[in-house]
PDB file of all heavy atoms in Angstrom:
ATOM      1  N   PRO A   1      99.452 103.132 124.717  1.00  0.00           N
ATOM      2  CA  PRO A   1      98.231 102.441 125.092  1.00  0.00           C
ATOM      3  C   PRO A   1      98.506 101.335 126.097  1.00  0.00           C
ATOM      4  O   PRO A   1      99.653 100.902 126.228  1.00  0.00           O
ATOM      5  CB  PRO A   1      97.721 101.826 123.753  1.00  0.00           C
ATOM      6  CG  PRO A   1      98.953 101.768 122.885  1.00  0.00           C
ATOM      7  CD  PRO A   1      99.833 102.912 123.334  1.00  0.00           C
ATOM      8  N   GLY A   2      97.483 100.990 126.798  1.00  0.00           N
ATOM      9  CA  GLY A   2      97.683  99.909 127.824  1.00  0.00           C
ATOM     10  C   GLY A   2      97.967  98.559 127.162  1.00  0.00           C
ATOM     11  O   GLY A   2      97.057  97.947 126.644  1.00  0.00           O
ATOM     12  N   LEU A   3      99.193  98.130 127.236  1.00  0.00           N
ATOM     13  CA  LEU A   3      99.577  96.820 126.675  1.00  0.00           C
ATOM     14  C   LEU A   3      99.735  95.870 127.862  1.00  0.00           C
ATOM     15  O   LEU A   3     100.148  96.228 128.959  1.00  0.00           O
ATOM     16  CB  LEU A   3     100.866  96.957 125.887  1.00  0.00           C
ATOM     17  CG  LEU A   3     100.786  97.860 124.656  1.00  0.00           C
ATOM     18  CD1 LEU A   3     102.213  98.015 124.072  1.00  0.00           C
ATOM     19  CD2 LEU A   3      99.854  97.266 123.639  1.00  0.00           C
ATOM     20  N   PRO A   4      99.500  94.540 127.609  1.00  0.00           N
ATOM     21  CA  PRO A   4      99.576  93.596 128.703  1.00  0.00           C
ATOM     22  C   PRO A   4     101.040  93.335 129.158  1.00  0.00           C
ATOM     23  O   PRO A   4     101.280  92.896 130.218  1.00  0.00           O
ATOM     24  CB  PRO A   4      98.956  92.349 128.152  1.00  0.00           C
ATOM     25  CG  PRO A   4      99.015  92.526 126.668  1.00  0.00           C
ATOM     26  CD  PRO A   4      98.966  93.995 126.379  1.00  0.00           C
ATOM     27  N   THR A   5     101.988  93.611 128.269  1.00  0.00           N
ATOM     28  CA  THR A   5     103.436  93.407 128.639  1.00  0.00           C
ATOM     29  C   THR A   5     104.119  94.732 128.420  1.00  0.00           C
ATOM     30  O   THR A   5     103.698  95.614 127.676  1.00  0.00           O
ATOM     31  CB  THR A   5     104.063  92.314 127.751  1.00  0.00           C
ATOM     32  OG1 THR A   5     103.932  92.709 126.371  1.00  0.00           O
ATOM     33  CG2 THR A   5     103.375  90.989 127.946  1.00  0.00           C
ATOM     34  N   TYR A   6     105.302  94.857 129.032  1.00  0.00           N
ATOM     35  CA  TYR A   6     106.109  96.088 128.889  1.00  0.00           C
ATOM     36  C   TYR A   6     106.909  96.042 127.618  1.00  0.00           C
ATOM     37  O   TYR A   6     107.599  95.051 127.338  1.00  0.00           O
ATOM     38  CB  TYR A   6     107.041  96.271 130.061  1.00  0.00           C
ATOM     39  CG  TYR A   6     107.889  97.472 129.902  1.00  0.00           C
ATOM     40  CD1 TYR A   6     107.384  98.762 130.046  1.00  0.00           C
ATOM     41  CD2 TYR A   6     109.240  97.347 129.490  1.00  0.00           C
ATOM     42  CE1 TYR A   6     108.165  99.864 129.847  1.00  0.00           C
ATOM     43  CE2 TYR A   6     110.048  98.449 129.287  1.00  0.00           C
ATOM     44  CZ  TYR A   6     109.475  99.728 129.496  1.00  0.00           C
ATOM     45  OH  TYR A   6     110.288 100.830 129.263  1.00  0.00           O
ATOM     46  N   ILE A   7     106.765  97.042 126.821  1.00  0.00           N
ATOM     47  CA  ILE A   7     107.586  97.199 125.562  1.00  0.00           C
ATOM     48  C   ILE A   7     108.219  98.592 125.726  1.00  0.00           C
ATOM     49  O   ILE A   7     107.508  99.577 126.003  1.00  0.00           O
ATOM     50  CB  ILE A   7     106.677  97.170 124.338  1.00  0.00           C
ATOM     51  CG1 ILE A   7     106.052  95.810 124.210  1.00  0.00           C
ATOM     52  CG2 ILE A   7     107.459  97.517 123.111  1.00  0.00           C
ATOM     53  CD1 ILE A   7     105.154  95.640 123.031  1.00  0.00           C
ATOM     54  N   PRO A   8     109.528  98.646 125.520  1.00  0.00           N
ATOM     55  CA  PRO A   8     110.158 100.021 125.620  1.00  0.00           C
ATOM     56  C   PRO A   8     109.464 100.976 124.627  1.00  0.00           C
ATOM     57  O   PRO A   8     109.150 100.602 123.499  1.00  0.00           O
ATOM     58  CB  PRO A   8     111.578  99.708 125.167  1.00  0.00           C
ATOM     59  CG  PRO A   8     111.803  98.274 125.429  1.00  0.00           C
ATOM     60  CD  PRO A   8     110.451  97.588 125.238  1.00  0.00           C
ATOM     61  N   PRO A   9     109.223 102.189 125.073  1.00  0.00           N
ATOM     62  CA  PRO A   9     108.532 103.172 124.205  1.00  0.00           C
ATOM     63  C   PRO A   9     109.208 103.376 122.868  1.00  0.00           C
ATOM     64  O   PRO A   9     108.493 103.501 121.858  1.00  0.00           O
ATOM     65  CB  PRO A   9     108.594 104.436 125.065  1.00  0.00           C
ATOM     66  CG  PRO A   9     108.699 104.000 126.461  1.00  0.00           C
ATOM     67  CD  PRO A   9     109.529 102.738 126.371  1.00  0.00           C
ATOM     68  N   LEU A  10     110.493 103.414 122.787  1.00  0.00           N
ATOM     69  CA  LEU A  10     111.206 103.592 121.534  1.00  0.00           C
ATOM     70  C   LEU A  10     110.877 102.465 120.558  1.00  0.00           C
ATOM     71  O   LEU A  10     110.598 102.679 119.393  1.00  0.00           O
ATOM     72  CB  LEU A  10     112.694 103.787 121.738  1.00  0.00           C
ATOM     73  CG  LEU A  10     113.483 104.044 120.510  1.00  0.00           C
ATOM     74  CD1 LEU A  10     113.070 105.363 119.841  1.00  0.00           C
ATOM     75  CD2 LEU A  10     114.982 104.065 120.780  1.00  0.00           C
ATOM     76  N   LEU A  11     110.914 101.241 121.100  1.00  0.00           N
ATOM     77  CA  LEU A  11     110.626 100.088 120.238  1.00  0.00           C
ATOM     78  C   LEU A  11     109.177 100.120 119.795  1.00  0.00           C
ATOM     79  O   LEU A  11     108.868  99.811 118.661  1.00  0.00           O
ATOM     80  CB  LEU A  11     110.911  98.779 121.031  1.00  0.00           C
ATOM     81  CG  LEU A  11     110.549  97.482 120.281  1.00  0.00           C
ATOM     82  CD1 LEU A  11     111.444  97.321 119.033  1.00  0.00           C
ATOM     83  CD2 LEU A  11     110.740  96.300 121.217  1.00  0.00           C
ATOM     84  N   PHE A  12     108.246 100.463 120.667  1.00  0.00           N
ATOM     85  CA  PHE A  12     106.886 100.566 120.303  1.00  0.00           C
ATOM     86  C   PHE A  12     106.612 101.551 119.184  1.00  0.00           C
ATOM     87  O   PHE A  12     105.942 101.278 118.201  1.00  0.00           O
ATOM     88  CB  PHE A  12     106.022 100.927 121.502  1.00  0.00           C
ATOM     89  CG  PHE A  12     104.581 101.123 121.214  1.00  0.00           C
ATOM     90  CD1 PHE A  12     103.740 100.041 121.064  1.00  0.00           C
ATOM     91  CD2 PHE A  12     104.065 102.383 121.078  1.00  0.00           C
ATOM     92  CE1 PHE A  12     102.375 100.206 120.729  1.00  0.00           C
ATOM     93  CE2 PHE A  12     102.722 102.588 120.756  1.00  0.00           C
ATOM     94  CZ  PHE A  12     101.876 101.498 120.595  1.00  0.00           C
ATOM     95  N   TRP A  13     107.210 102.757 119.313  1.00  0.00           N
ATOM     96  CA  TRP A  13     107.006 103.742 118.274  1.00  0.00           C
ATOM     97  C   TRP A  13     107.708 103.412 117.012  1.00  0.00           C
ATOM     98  O   TRP A  13     107.264 103.789 115.902  1.00  0.00           O
ATOM     99  CB  TRP A  13     107.353 105.146 118.826  1.00  0.00           C
ATOM    100  CG  TRP A  13     106.387 105.612 119.810  1.00  0.00           C
ATOM    101  CD1 TRP A  13     106.619 105.859 121.127  1.00  0.00           C
ATOM    102  CD2 TRP A  13     104.971 105.879 119.613  1.00  0.00           C
ATOM    103  NE1 TRP A  13     105.425 106.202 121.742  1.00  0.00           N
ATOM    104  CE2 TRP A  13     104.431 106.225 120.847  1.00  0.00           C
ATOM    105  CE3 TRP A  13     104.162 105.803 118.510  1.00  0.00           C
ATOM    106  CZ2 TRP A  13     103.061 106.600 120.944  1.00  0.00           C
ATOM    107  CZ3 TRP A  13     102.809 106.093 118.631  1.00  0.00           C
ATOM    108  CH2 TRP A  13     102.285 106.500 119.841  1.00  0.00           C
ATOM    109  N   LEU A  14     108.852 102.679 117.064  1.00  0.00           N
ATOM    110  CA  LEU A  14     109.488 102.215 115.867  1.00  0.00           C
ATOM    111  C   LEU A  14     108.586 101.217 115.126  1.00  0.00           C
ATOM    112  O   LEU A  14     108.507 101.199 113.914  1.00  0.00           O
ATOM    113  CB  LEU A  14     110.854 101.634 116.125  1.00  0.00           C
ATOM    114  CG  LEU A  14     111.954 102.623 116.446  1.00  0.00           C
ATOM    115  CD1 LEU A  14     113.240 101.879 116.853  1.00  0.00           C
ATOM    116  CD2 LEU A  14     112.225 103.496 115.263  1.00  0.00           C
ATOM    117  N   LEU A  15     107.912 100.313 115.896  1.00  0.00           N
ATOM    118  CA  LEU A  15     106.990  99.373 115.276  1.00  0.00           C
ATOM    119  C   LEU A  15     105.828 100.072 114.625  1.00  0.00           C
ATOM    120  O   LEU A  15     105.357  99.708 113.515  1.00  0.00           O
ATOM    121  CB  LEU A  15     106.518  98.389 116.317  1.00  0.00           C
ATOM    122  CG  LEU A  15     107.532  97.357 116.799  1.00  0.00           C
ATOM    123  CD1 LEU A  15     106.964  96.567 117.987  1.00  0.00           C
ATOM    124  CD2 LEU A  15     107.969  96.458 115.696  1.00  0.00           C
ATOM    125  N   VAL A  16     105.308 101.110 115.321  1.00  0.00           N
ATOM    126  CA  VAL A  16     104.155 101.857 114.753  1.00  0.00           C
ATOM    127  C   VAL A  16     104.627 102.562 113.480  1.00  0.00           C
ATOM    128  O   VAL A  16     103.909 102.591 112.478  1.00  0.00           O
ATOM    129  CB  VAL A  16     103.657 102.876 115.810  1.00  0.00           C
ATOM    130  CG1 VAL A  16     102.659 103.857 115.170  1.00  0.00           C
ATOM    131  CG2 VAL A  16     102.950 102.125 116.940  1.00  0.00           C
ATOM    132  N   LEU A  17     105.804 103.167 113.518  1.00  0.00           N
ATOM    133  CA  LEU A  17     106.324 103.843 112.319  1.00  0.00           C
ATOM    134  C   LEU A  17     106.539 102.879 111.158  1.00  0.00           C
ATOM    135  O   LEU A  17     106.181 103.183 110.016  1.00  0.00           O
ATOM    136  CB  LEU A  17     107.595 104.601 112.636  1.00  0.00           C
ATOM    137  CG  LEU A  17     108.264 105.363 111.547  1.00  0.00           C
ATOM    138  CD1 LEU A  17     107.381 106.503 111.097  1.00  0.00           C
ATOM    139  CD2 LEU A  17     109.626 105.871 111.945  1.00  0.00           C
ATOM    140  N   ALA A  18     107.098 101.720 111.438  1.00  0.00           N
ATOM    141  CA  ALA A  18     107.315 100.748 110.378  1.00  0.00           C
ATOM    142  C   ALA A  18     106.014 100.281 109.783  1.00  0.00           C
ATOM    143  O   ALA A  18     105.886 100.117 108.577  1.00  0.00           O
ATOM    144  CB  ALA A  18     108.129  99.550 110.959  1.00  0.00           C
ATOM    145  N   ALA A  19     104.992 100.068 110.608  1.00  0.00           N
ATOM    146  CA  ALA A  19     103.671  99.658 110.101  1.00  0.00           C
ATOM    147  C   ALA A  19     103.050 100.749 109.222  1.00  0.00           C
ATOM    148  O   ALA A  19     102.506 100.465 108.163  1.00  0.00           O
ATOM    149  CB  ALA A  19     102.745  99.331 111.287  1.00  0.00           C
ATOM    150  N   ALA A  20     103.171 102.013 109.675  1.00  0.00           N
ATOM    151  CA  ALA A  20     102.622 103.131 108.906  1.00  0.00           C
ATOM    152  C   ALA A  20     103.338 103.275 107.569  1.00  0.00           C
ATOM    153  O   ALA A  20     102.685 103.474 106.540  1.00  0.00           O
ATOM    154  CB  ALA A  20     102.735 104.404 109.699  1.00  0.00           C
ATOM    155  N   VAL A  21     104.625 103.105 107.561  1.00  0.00           N
ATOM    156  CA  VAL A  21     105.416 103.256 106.292  1.00  0.00           C
ATOM    157  C   VAL A  21     105.040 102.117 105.385  1.00  0.00           C
ATOM    158  O   VAL A  21     104.844 102.300 104.152  1.00  0.00           O
ATOM    159  CB  VAL A  21     106.925 103.251 106.568  1.00  0.00           C
ATOM    160  CG1 VAL A  21     107.745 103.046 105.311  1.00  0.00           C
ATOM    161  CG2 VAL A  21     107.297 104.560 107.272  1.00  0.00           C
ATOM    162  N   ALA A  22     104.910 100.876 105.906  1.00  0.00           N
ATOM    163  CA  ALA A  22     104.496  99.722 105.018  1.00  0.00           C
ATOM    164  C   ALA A  22     103.133  99.961 104.413  1.00  0.00           C
ATOM    165  O   ALA A  22     102.935  99.723 103.220  1.00  0.00           O
ATOM    166  CB  ALA A  22     104.548  98.461 105.849  1.00  0.00           C
ATOM    167  N   ILE A  23     102.179 100.479 105.191  1.00  0.00           N
ATOM    168  CA  ILE A  23     100.848 100.764 104.678  1.00  0.00           C
ATOM    169  C   ILE A  23     100.906 101.822 103.661  1.00  0.00           C
ATOM    170  O   ILE A  23     100.277 101.736 102.587  1.00  0.00           O
ATOM    171  CB  ILE A  23      99.915 101.093 105.860  1.00  0.00           C
ATOM    172  CG1 ILE A  23      99.608  99.878 106.696  1.00  0.00           C
ATOM    173  CG2 ILE A  23      98.580 101.711 105.336  1.00  0.00           C
ATOM    174  CD1 ILE A  23      98.895 100.177 107.996  1.00  0.00           C
ATOM    175  N   LEU A  24     101.592 102.929 103.923  1.00  0.00           N
ATOM    176  CA  LEU A  24     101.692 104.031 102.984  1.00  0.00           C
ATOM    177  C   LEU A  24     102.334 103.612 101.669  1.00  0.00           C
ATOM    178  O   LEU A  24     101.866 104.022 100.597  1.00  0.00           O
ATOM    179  CB  LEU A  24     102.401 105.227 103.585  1.00  0.00           C
ATOM    180  CG  LEU A  24     101.627 105.977 104.646  1.00  0.00           C
ATOM    181  CD1 LEU A  24     102.482 107.068 105.265  1.00  0.00           C
ATOM    182  CD2 LEU A  24     100.365 106.591 104.038  1.00  0.00           C
ATOM    183  N   ILE A  25     103.466 102.872 101.760  1.00  0.00           N
ATOM    184  CA  ILE A  25     104.123 102.444 100.484  1.00  0.00           C
ATOM    185  C   ILE A  25     103.219 101.514  99.681  1.00  0.00           C
ATOM    186  O   ILE A  25     103.128 101.729  98.445  1.00  0.00           O
ATOM    187  CB  ILE A  25     105.442 101.776 100.825  1.00  0.00           C
ATOM    188  CG1 ILE A  25     106.453 102.822 101.309  1.00  0.00           C
ATOM    189  CG2 ILE A  25     105.988 101.028  99.632  1.00  0.00           C
ATOM    190  CD1 ILE A  25     107.764 102.235 101.817  1.00  0.00           C
ATOM    191  N   SER A  26     102.560 100.578 100.319  1.00  0.00           N
ATOM    192  CA  SER A  26     101.708  99.700  99.540  1.00  0.00           C
ATOM    193  C   SER A  26     100.478 100.397  99.014  1.00  0.00           C
ATOM    194  O   SER A  26     100.052 100.094  97.890  1.00  0.00           O
ATOM    195  CB  SER A  26     101.301  98.471 100.436  1.00  0.00           C
ATOM    196  OG  SER A  26     100.536  98.892 101.527  1.00  0.00           O
ATOM    197  N   LEU A  27      99.925 101.350  99.729  1.00  0.00           N
ATOM    198  CA  LEU A  27      98.785 102.115  99.232  1.00  0.00           C
ATOM    199  C   LEU A  27      99.228 103.024  98.065  1.00  0.00           C
ATOM    200  O   LEU A  27      98.568 103.135  97.052  1.00  0.00           O
ATOM    201  CB  LEU A  27      98.164 103.012 100.300  1.00  0.00           C
ATOM    202  CG  LEU A  27      96.929 103.749  99.980  1.00  0.00           C
ATOM    203  CD1 LEU A  27      95.843 102.781  99.620  1.00  0.00           C
ATOM    204  CD2 LEU A  27      96.497 104.634 101.160  1.00  0.00           C
ATOM    205  N   TYR A  28     100.442 103.626  98.148  1.00  0.00           N
ATOM    206  CA  TYR A  28     100.958 104.451  97.051  1.00  0.00           C
ATOM    207  C   TYR A  28     101.167 103.589  95.785  1.00  0.00           C
ATOM    208  O   TYR A  28     100.819 104.027  94.721  1.00  0.00           O
ATOM    209  CB  TYR A  28     102.255 105.101  97.487  1.00  0.00           C
ATOM    210  CG  TYR A  28     102.955 105.823  96.368  1.00  0.00           C
ATOM    211  CD1 TYR A  28     102.506 107.057  95.952  1.00  0.00           C
ATOM    212  CD2 TYR A  28     104.060 105.265  95.733  1.00  0.00           C
ATOM    213  CE1 TYR A  28     103.101 107.762  94.905  1.00  0.00           C
ATOM    214  CE2 TYR A  28     104.708 105.967  94.690  1.00  0.00           C
ATOM    215  CZ  TYR A  28     104.194 107.200  94.344  1.00  0.00           C
ATOM    216  OH  TYR A  28     104.850 107.866  93.278  1.00  0.00           O
ATOM    217  N   ARG A  29     101.688 102.387  96.001  1.00  0.00           N
ATOM    218  CA  ARG A  29     101.910 101.453  94.832  1.00  0.00           C
ATOM    219  C   ARG A  29     100.567 101.122  94.209  1.00  0.00           C
ATOM    220  O   ARG A  29     100.504 100.922  93.007  1.00  0.00           O
ATOM    221  CB  ARG A  29     102.667 100.258  95.254  1.00  0.00           C
ATOM    222  CG  ARG A  29     104.121 100.535  95.552  1.00  0.00           C
ATOM    223  CD  ARG A  29     104.880  99.306  95.888  1.00  0.00           C
ATOM    224  NE  ARG A  29     104.882  98.375  94.732  1.00  0.00           N
ATOM    225  CZ  ARG A  29     105.191  97.145  94.790  1.00  0.00           C
ATOM    226  NH1 ARG A  29     105.539  96.600  95.956  1.00  0.00           N
ATOM    227  NH2 ARG A  29     105.166  96.387  93.708  1.00  0.00           N
ATOM    228  N   PHE A  30      99.503 101.006  94.985  1.00  0.00           N
ATOM    229  CA  PHE A  30      98.180 100.751  94.453  1.00  0.00           C
ATOM    230  C   PHE A  30      97.715 101.925  93.604  1.00  0.00           C
ATOM    231  O   PHE A  30      97.143 101.726  92.545  1.00  0.00           O
ATOM    232  CB  PHE A  30      97.205 100.412  95.571  1.00  0.00           C
ATOM    233  CG  PHE A  30      95.772 100.333  95.104  1.00  0.00           C
ATOM    234  CD1 PHE A  30      95.344  99.322  94.300  1.00  0.00           C
ATOM    235  CD2 PHE A  30      94.863 101.291  95.517  1.00  0.00           C
ATOM    236  CE1 PHE A  30      94.058  99.224  93.864  1.00  0.00           C
ATOM    237  CE2 PHE A  30      93.546 101.223  95.099  1.00  0.00           C
ATOM    238  CZ  PHE A  30      93.124 100.203  94.278  1.00  0.00           C
ATOM    239  N   PHE A  31      97.863 103.143  94.115  1.00  0.00           N
ATOM    240  CA  PHE A  31      97.369 104.289  93.428  1.00  0.00           C
ATOM    241  C   PHE A  31      98.113 104.552  92.116  1.00  0.00           C
ATOM    242  O   PHE A  31      97.478 105.023  91.167  1.00  0.00           O
ATOM    243  CB  PHE A  31      97.458 105.536  94.312  1.00  0.00           C
ATOM    244  CG  PHE A  31      96.397 105.608  95.375  1.00  0.00           C
ATOM    245  CD1 PHE A  31      96.700 106.090  96.592  1.00  0.00           C
ATOM    246  CD2 PHE A  31      95.113 105.136  95.123  1.00  0.00           C
ATOM    247  CE1 PHE A  31      95.727 106.160  97.627  1.00  0.00           C
ATOM    248  CE2 PHE A  31      94.132 105.209  96.088  1.00  0.00           C
ATOM    249  CZ  PHE A  31      94.446 105.715  97.368  1.00  0.00           C
ATOM    250  N   VAL A  32      99.396 104.310  92.035  1.00  0.00           N
ATOM    251  CA  VAL A  32     100.158 104.619  90.850  1.00  0.00           C
ATOM    252  C   VAL A  32     100.327 103.415  89.927  1.00  0.00           C
ATOM    253  O   VAL A  32     100.932 103.528  88.837  1.00  0.00           O
ATOM    254  CB  VAL A  32     101.541 105.189  91.148  1.00  0.00           C
ATOM    255  CG1 VAL A  32     101.443 106.470  91.931  1.00  0.00           C
ATOM    256  CG2 VAL A  32     102.414 104.213  91.867  1.00  0.00           C
ATOM    257  N   ALA A  33      99.726 102.296  90.267  1.00  0.00           N
ATOM    258  CA  ALA A  33      99.844 101.099  89.410  1.00  0.00           C
ATOM    259  C   ALA A  33      99.060 101.266  88.131  1.00  0.00           C
ATOM    260  O   ALA A  33      98.055 101.972  88.037  1.00  0.00           O
ATOM    261  CB  ALA A  33      99.332  99.854  90.170  1.00  0.00           C
ATOM    262  N   GLU A  34      99.576 100.631  87.122  1.00  0.00           N
ATOM    263  CA  GLU A  34      98.860 100.584  85.820  1.00  0.00           C
ATOM    264  C   GLU A  34      97.564  99.818  86.034  1.00  0.00           C
ATOM    265  O   GLU A  34      97.437  98.915  86.923  1.00  0.00           O
ATOM    266  CB  GLU A  34      99.703  99.966  84.769  1.00  0.00           C
ATOM    267  CG  GLU A  34     100.920 100.761  84.450  1.00  0.00           C
ATOM    268  CD  GLU A  34     101.776 100.163  83.326  1.00  0.00           C
ATOM    269  OE1 GLU A  34     101.252  99.262  82.636  1.00  0.00           O
ATOM    270  OE2 GLU A  34     102.880 100.632  83.143  1.00  0.00           O
ATOM    271  N   PRO A  35      96.529 100.067  85.183  1.00  0.00           N
ATOM    272  CA  PRO A  35      95.239  99.347  85.422  1.00  0.00           C
ATOM    273  C   PRO A  35      95.379  97.837  85.402  1.00  0.00           C
ATOM    274  O   PRO A  35      94.615  97.142  86.113  1.00  0.00           O
ATOM    275  CB  PRO A  35      94.405  99.846  84.242  1.00  0.00           C
ATOM    276  CG  PRO A  35      94.971 101.221  83.911  1.00  0.00           C
ATOM    277  CD  PRO A  35      96.440 101.095  84.206  1.00  0.00           C
ATOM    278  N   SER A  36      96.313  97.288  84.632  1.00  0.00           N
ATOM    279  CA  SER A  36      96.422  95.839  84.571  1.00  0.00           C
ATOM    280  C   SER A  36      97.080  95.278  85.816  1.00  0.00           C
ATOM    281  O   SER A  36      97.014  94.072  86.049  1.00  0.00           O
ATOM    282  CB  SER A  36      97.245  95.438  83.338  1.00  0.00           C
ATOM    283  OG  SER A  36      98.537  95.947  83.433  1.00  0.00           O
ATOM    284  N   GLU A  37      97.733  96.118  86.617  1.00  0.00           N
ATOM    285  CA  GLU A  37      98.417  95.653  87.833  1.00  0.00           C
ATOM    286  C   GLU A  37      97.773  96.070  89.110  1.00  0.00           C
ATOM    287  O   GLU A  37      98.320  95.880  90.180  1.00  0.00           O
ATOM    288  CB  GLU A  37      99.838  96.148  87.746  1.00  0.00           C
ATOM    289  CG  GLU A  37     100.594  95.823  86.522  1.00  0.00           C
ATOM    290  CD  GLU A  37     101.970  95.331  86.761  1.00  0.00           C
ATOM    291  OE1 GLU A  37     102.406  95.436  87.901  1.00  0.00           O
ATOM    292  OE2 GLU A  37     102.559  94.876  85.772  1.00  0.00           O
ATOM    293  N   ARG A  38      96.601  96.698  89.008  1.00  0.00           N
ATOM    294  CA  ARG A  38      95.982  97.214  90.239  1.00  0.00           C
ATOM    295  C   ARG A  38      95.527  96.094  91.178  1.00  0.00           C
ATOM    296  O   ARG A  38      95.521  96.261  92.406  1.00  0.00           O
ATOM    297  CB  ARG A  38      94.777  98.080  89.864  1.00  0.00           C
ATOM    298  CG  ARG A  38      95.267  99.451  89.389  1.00  0.00           C
ATOM    299  CD  ARG A  38      94.349 100.517  89.893  1.00  0.00           C
ATOM    300  NE  ARG A  38      95.010 101.818  89.570  1.00  0.00           N
ATOM    301  CZ  ARG A  38      94.521 102.687  88.695  1.00  0.00           C
ATOM    302  NH1 ARG A  38      93.336 102.431  88.126  1.00  0.00           N
ATOM    303  NH2 ARG A  38      95.164 103.759  88.483  1.00  0.00           N
ATOM    304  N   VAL A  39      95.074  94.954  90.638  1.00  0.00           N
ATOM    305  CA  VAL A  39      94.624  93.860  91.497  1.00  0.00           C
ATOM    306  C   VAL A  39      95.773  93.370  92.342  1.00  0.00           C
ATOM    307  O   VAL A  39      95.665  93.138  93.524  1.00  0.00           O
ATOM    308  CB  VAL A  39      93.981  92.729  90.608  1.00  0.00           C
ATOM    309  CG1 VAL A  39      93.714  91.517  91.489  1.00  0.00           C
ATOM    310  CG2 VAL A  39      92.718  93.238  89.957  1.00  0.00           C
ATOM    311  N   ASN A  40      96.935  93.159  91.666  1.00  0.00           N
ATOM    312  CA  ASN A  40      98.101  92.709  92.459  1.00  0.00           C
ATOM    313  C   ASN A  40      98.485  93.707  93.494  1.00  0.00           C
ATOM    314  O   ASN A  40      98.836  93.350  94.648  1.00  0.00           O
ATOM    315  CB  ASN A  40      99.271  92.437  91.509  1.00  0.00           C
ATOM    316  CG  ASN A  40      99.042  91.279  90.588  1.00  0.00           C
ATOM    317  OD1 ASN A  40      98.254  90.404  90.917  1.00  0.00           O
ATOM    318  ND2 ASN A  40      99.662  91.253  89.464  1.00  0.00           N
TER     319      ASN A  40
END
């Protein structure tokens, strides 16, 4: 995407991958949490 500064493509896609993994792991932890721990 058009970014205002140059970021090497490999670094950009590593950041995107890290963000996606963090979102997926935290969402998975929400889905498998016990009812008493779902809010956390």
